[in-house]
Protein backbone atom coordinates (compact mmCIF):
# COMPACT_ATOMS: atom_id res chain seq x y z
CA MET A 1 36.17 137.23 25.73
CA GLN A 2 36.68 138.95 29.09
CA ALA A 3 33.98 141.49 29.84
CA PRO A 4 34.82 144.91 31.25
CA ALA A 5 34.97 145.02 35.05
CA PRO A 6 31.50 145.71 36.52
CA SER A 7 30.99 148.97 38.41
CA ALA A 8 28.46 149.90 41.07
CA GLU A 9 26.33 151.47 38.39
CA LEU A 10 26.53 149.69 35.04
CA ASN A 11 26.99 152.20 32.25
CA LEU A 12 25.47 150.34 29.30
CA THR A 13 26.65 152.85 26.72
CA GLU A 14 30.28 152.57 27.85
CA LEU A 15 29.95 148.81 28.21
CA ALA A 16 28.65 148.47 24.64
CA MET A 17 31.55 150.53 23.26
CA GLN A 18 34.20 148.53 25.15
CA ALA A 19 32.64 145.14 24.34
CA SER A 20 32.21 145.98 20.64
CA ARG A 21 35.84 147.08 20.45
CA LEU A 22 37.02 143.88 22.14
CA LEU A 23 34.91 141.75 19.81
CA GLU A 24 36.32 143.52 16.76
CA GLN A 25 39.89 143.03 18.01
CA ARG A 26 39.34 139.33 18.62
CA LEU A 27 37.79 138.87 15.19
CA GLN A 28 40.77 140.54 13.51
CA ARG A 29 43.20 138.27 15.39
CA SER A 30 41.30 135.09 14.57
CA ARG A 31 40.85 133.31 11.25
CA ALA A 32 37.12 132.90 11.80
CA PRO A 33 34.72 134.56 9.36
CA ALA A 34 32.53 135.74 12.26
CA LEU A 35 32.39 135.99 16.05
CA ALA A 36 29.55 136.67 18.47
CA ALA A 37 29.63 137.51 22.16
CA ALA A 38 27.37 138.51 25.02
CA VAL A 39 27.73 140.09 28.45
CA VAL A 40 25.47 138.31 30.94
CA THR A 41 24.69 139.37 34.50
CA ARG A 42 22.24 138.03 37.07
CA ASN A 43 19.62 140.12 35.27
CA GLY A 44 20.23 138.40 31.93
CA ILE A 45 21.92 139.57 28.75
CA VAL A 46 22.88 143.24 29.02
CA TRP A 47 24.84 143.38 25.78
CA SER A 48 25.36 141.17 22.76
CA GLY A 49 27.09 141.63 19.45
CA ALA A 50 27.95 139.79 16.25
CA GLN A 51 30.55 140.80 13.69
CA GLY A 52 31.81 139.28 10.48
CA VAL A 53 30.25 137.36 7.60
CA ARG A 54 28.38 134.07 7.34
CA SER A 55 31.23 132.16 5.74
CA LYS A 56 34.39 132.63 3.73
CA LEU A 57 32.29 132.10 0.61
CA ASP A 58 29.31 134.23 1.70
CA ALA A 59 29.84 137.92 2.45
CA THR A 60 26.40 138.29 4.06
CA PRO A 61 26.94 139.98 7.47
CA VAL A 62 25.94 137.99 10.55
CA THR A 63 23.08 139.39 12.64
CA HIS A 64 21.41 138.82 16.00
CA ALA A 65 18.68 136.86 14.21
CA ASP A 66 21.11 134.18 13.02
CA ARG A 67 22.02 130.98 14.90
CA TRP A 68 25.43 129.64 15.95
CA HIS A 69 26.20 125.96 15.75
CA LEU A 70 27.35 125.23 19.29
CA GLY A 71 29.34 122.12 18.52
CA SER A 72 30.48 120.24 21.60
CA ASN A 73 29.13 122.81 24.07
CA ALA A 74 25.86 120.89 23.80
CA LYS A 75 27.54 117.96 25.59
CA ALA A 76 27.70 119.90 28.86
CA MET A 77 24.05 120.91 28.45
CA THR A 78 23.01 117.33 27.76
CA ALA A 79 24.86 116.17 30.87
CA ALA A 80 23.17 118.94 32.90
CA VAL A 81 19.75 117.77 31.73
CA TYR A 82 20.53 114.20 32.82
CA ALA A 83 21.88 115.49 36.15
CA ARG A 84 18.55 117.18 36.85
CA LEU A 85 16.79 113.87 36.19
CA VAL A 86 19.14 112.23 38.71
CA GLN A 87 18.35 115.00 41.18
CA ALA A 88 14.63 114.33 40.66
CA GLU A 89 15.28 110.59 41.29
CA LEU A 90 14.14 109.73 37.78
CA ALA A 91 17.57 108.42 36.72
CA THR A 92 20.89 107.27 38.22
CA TRP A 93 24.53 107.79 37.31
CA SER A 94 25.17 104.06 37.43
CA ALA A 95 22.33 103.06 35.07
CA PRO A 96 23.56 100.38 32.62
CA LEU A 97 22.85 100.78 28.92
CA THR A 98 20.84 97.57 28.98
CA GLU A 99 18.40 99.33 31.29
CA LEU A 100 18.34 102.58 29.33
CA PHE A 101 17.84 100.99 25.89
CA PRO A 102 15.43 98.07 26.46
CA ASP A 103 14.02 98.51 22.94
CA LEU A 104 17.34 98.00 21.14
CA ARG A 105 19.21 94.79 20.33
CA MET A 106 22.58 95.00 22.07
CA ASP A 107 25.78 93.00 21.89
CA PRO A 108 26.53 91.35 25.27
CA ALA A 109 29.81 93.30 25.41
CA TRP A 110 27.77 96.38 26.41
CA ASP A 111 26.28 94.74 29.50
CA GLU A 112 28.68 96.42 31.95
CA VAL A 113 28.75 99.85 30.30
CA THR A 114 26.86 102.63 32.13
CA ILE A 115 25.58 106.12 31.33
CA SER A 116 28.53 107.55 33.28
CA ASP A 117 30.93 105.67 30.99
CA LEU A 118 29.33 107.45 28.02
CA MET A 119 29.68 110.86 29.67
CA ARG A 120 33.33 110.19 30.57
CA HIS A 121 34.13 108.96 27.03
CA ARG A 122 35.09 105.58 28.51
CA SER A 123 32.49 103.41 26.80
CA GLY A 124 34.62 102.04 23.97
CA LEU A 125 32.72 103.95 21.27
CA ASN A 126 34.59 105.23 18.23
CA ASP A 127 33.23 107.87 15.84
CA ARG A 128 34.84 106.34 12.75
CA GLY A 129 32.11 104.90 10.56
CA LEU A 130 29.51 105.87 13.14
CA ALA A 131 29.32 109.60 14.00
CA ASP A 132 32.01 110.81 11.63
CA ALA A 133 31.95 113.87 9.34
CA LYS A 134 30.03 111.94 6.68
CA TRP A 135 27.23 111.12 9.12
CA VAL A 136 27.11 114.68 10.50
CA GLY A 137 26.93 116.13 7.00
CA ALA A 138 24.09 113.82 6.02
CA ALA A 139 22.21 114.60 9.24
CA TRP A 140 21.68 118.22 8.19
CA ASN A 141 19.53 117.11 5.26
CA ASN A 142 18.01 113.97 6.81
CA PRO A 143 14.19 114.21 6.73
CA ALA A 144 13.94 112.04 9.86
CA SER A 145 13.44 113.79 13.19
CA VAL A 146 16.43 114.39 15.46
CA MET A 147 15.05 111.83 17.92
CA GLU A 148 14.79 109.23 15.15
CA GLN A 149 18.35 109.95 14.03
CA ARG A 150 19.66 109.53 17.58
CA THR A 151 17.84 106.22 17.93
CA GLU A 152 19.18 104.99 14.58
CA LEU A 153 22.76 105.81 15.57
CA ALA A 154 22.32 104.19 19.00
CA ALA A 155 20.99 101.03 17.37
CA ARG A 156 23.95 100.81 15.00
CA ALA A 157 26.44 101.48 17.79
CA LEU A 158 25.06 98.95 20.27
CA GLN A 159 24.40 96.03 17.94
CA SER A 160 28.15 95.41 17.60
CA ARG A 161 30.97 95.09 20.11
CA PRO A 162 32.73 98.31 21.19
CA ARG A 163 35.59 99.16 18.85
CA GLY A 164 37.69 100.58 21.67
CA SER A 165 38.65 99.47 25.14
CA ALA A 166 35.97 99.98 27.78
CA LYS A 167 36.92 102.14 30.79
CA ARG A 168 39.72 103.73 28.75
CA PHE A 169 39.36 107.39 27.74
CA ALA A 170 38.70 107.90 24.02
CA TYR A 171 36.86 111.03 22.91
CA SER A 172 33.77 110.29 20.81
CA ASN A 173 30.81 112.45 19.81
CA ALA A 174 28.68 109.31 19.61
CA ASN A 175 28.80 108.99 23.40
CA TYR A 176 26.61 112.04 23.87
CA VAL A 177 24.31 111.14 20.99
CA LEU A 178 23.55 108.02 23.03
CA VAL A 179 23.13 110.06 26.21
CA GLY A 180 20.51 112.17 24.42
CA ALA A 181 18.77 109.04 23.16
CA ALA A 182 18.79 107.63 26.70
CA ILE A 183 17.14 110.77 28.10
CA GLU A 184 14.40 110.47 25.49
CA ARG A 185 13.63 106.96 26.76
CA ILE A 186 12.91 108.16 30.29
CA PRO A 187 9.09 108.40 30.32
CA GLY A 188 7.86 111.91 29.70
CA HIS A 189 11.32 113.44 29.38
CA ALA A 190 12.20 114.08 25.75
CA LEU A 191 15.48 115.99 25.44
CA LYS A 192 13.88 118.95 23.68
CA THR A 193 11.43 119.53 26.56
CA THR A 194 13.46 118.53 29.63
CA ALA A 195 15.24 121.46 31.25
CA PRO A 196 16.18 122.85 34.65
CA PRO A 197 13.59 125.37 35.96
CA HIS A 198 16.20 128.14 36.03
CA ALA A 199 17.35 127.44 32.46
CA PRO A 200 14.27 126.48 30.41
CA SER A 201 16.10 126.59 27.09
CA ALA A 202 19.05 124.35 28.04
CA ALA A 203 17.51 121.13 26.77
CA ALA A 204 16.19 122.75 23.61
CA ILE A 205 19.70 124.04 22.86
CA ALA A 206 21.21 120.63 23.59
CA ALA A 207 18.68 118.96 21.32
CA SER A 208 19.16 121.31 18.38
CA ASN A 209 22.86 122.01 19.00
CA THR A 210 22.30 125.66 18.07
CA VAL A 211 21.75 128.97 19.82
CA ARG A 212 20.58 132.30 18.48
CA ILE A 213 23.15 134.95 17.43
CA ALA A 214 24.93 133.36 14.52
CA PRO A 215 24.78 131.82 11.08
CA ARG A 216 22.27 129.03 10.55
CA SER A 217 24.97 127.15 8.62
CA PRO A 218 28.38 126.54 10.27
CA VAL A 219 30.42 129.73 9.78
CA THR A 220 33.65 127.79 9.60
CA GLY A 221 32.46 125.89 6.57
CA GLY A 222 32.81 122.57 8.38
CA PHE A 223 31.23 120.45 11.09
CA PRO A 224 32.06 120.00 14.78
CA THR A 225 34.53 117.28 15.66
CA GLY A 226 34.72 117.86 19.38
CA SER A 227 37.50 120.44 19.54
CA THR A 228 35.38 122.68 21.78
CA ALA A 229 35.05 120.00 24.45
CA ARG A 230 38.76 119.21 24.26
CA ALA A 231 39.55 122.88 24.83
CA CYS A 232 37.11 123.15 27.75
CA CYS A 233 37.93 119.88 29.46
CA SER A 234 41.60 119.52 28.46
CA GLY A 235 40.98 115.79 28.15
CA ARG A 236 40.62 115.42 31.91
CA ARG A 237 38.31 112.77 33.29
CA PRO A 238 35.26 114.42 34.92
CA THR A 239 34.14 113.44 38.42
CA PHE A 240 30.52 112.45 38.94
CA PRO A 241 28.53 112.85 42.18
CA GLU A 242 28.74 109.21 43.29
CA GLU A 243 32.46 108.94 42.62
CA PRO A 244 35.29 110.35 44.76
CA ARG A 245 37.73 112.60 42.96
CA PRO A 246 40.82 110.57 41.97
CA PRO A 247 44.14 111.71 43.44
CA ARG A 248 46.41 113.69 41.15
CA ARG A 249 49.43 111.82 39.88
CA ARG A 250 52.65 113.71 39.63
CA THR A 251 55.20 112.52 37.10
CA PRO A 252 58.74 112.98 38.44
CA ARG A 253 60.92 115.17 36.29
CA PRO A 254 63.95 113.43 34.81
CA GLN A 255 67.17 114.54 36.46
CA PRO A 256 69.91 115.86 34.13
CA ARG A 257 72.90 113.57 33.76
CA ARG A 258 76.07 114.74 35.38
CA PRO A 259 79.26 114.51 33.34
CA PRO A 260 81.71 111.88 34.61
CA ALA A 261 84.42 113.09 36.94
CA PRO A 262 87.78 113.68 35.23
């Protein structure tokens, strides 16, 4: 949602009225049971709002005390946490999985796969039978800790050969589950406590995959399948610090056929 244009002197009353009206309009146009939004400046949140109900089957209004399920937005936060570890020289972009998971039994086919391959979705992982909707649904009620669940999934994923082709893009939520598990194996840097100094809650959000201002249960009545990341990244391959940006390839447009001369 586009915030109103800032003025020299921010009129919070007028801002709240405009933002609330925009949020209501967007909610009416969407098929979502609820929407939440915030206006953030260098001074922090200056306005926030939540409208709608918790789900299509629950008419309880959403409030500021509720929590949104962030879905795939947590992937960017997880990558940011790892980037700060690289900046602190506690990790590298080229670290192989064999180095990051010394405690797990791994199929030799993973020997050449790196942490960057996971972040680019080029590791060969496939969510089917691994981090699919069935697994996500069960995770909500799993008594094991989130760290234990990440380790269990990493162990299952790495004990067998990759189902897909390595170095070939294939979107998979399991990639970032493994990235989180890798961060937790860096001594003294559990995902829930590791965060940039200027954003102390980033790692906690990435670990829990939720943020305050929305329903504790998914308002859509389902579970994330990565559509948020597809919308944000458009399927493009990200560029990492140690890698030059690949040149753009232009596909020539087919020329229309000319009718034969009479």
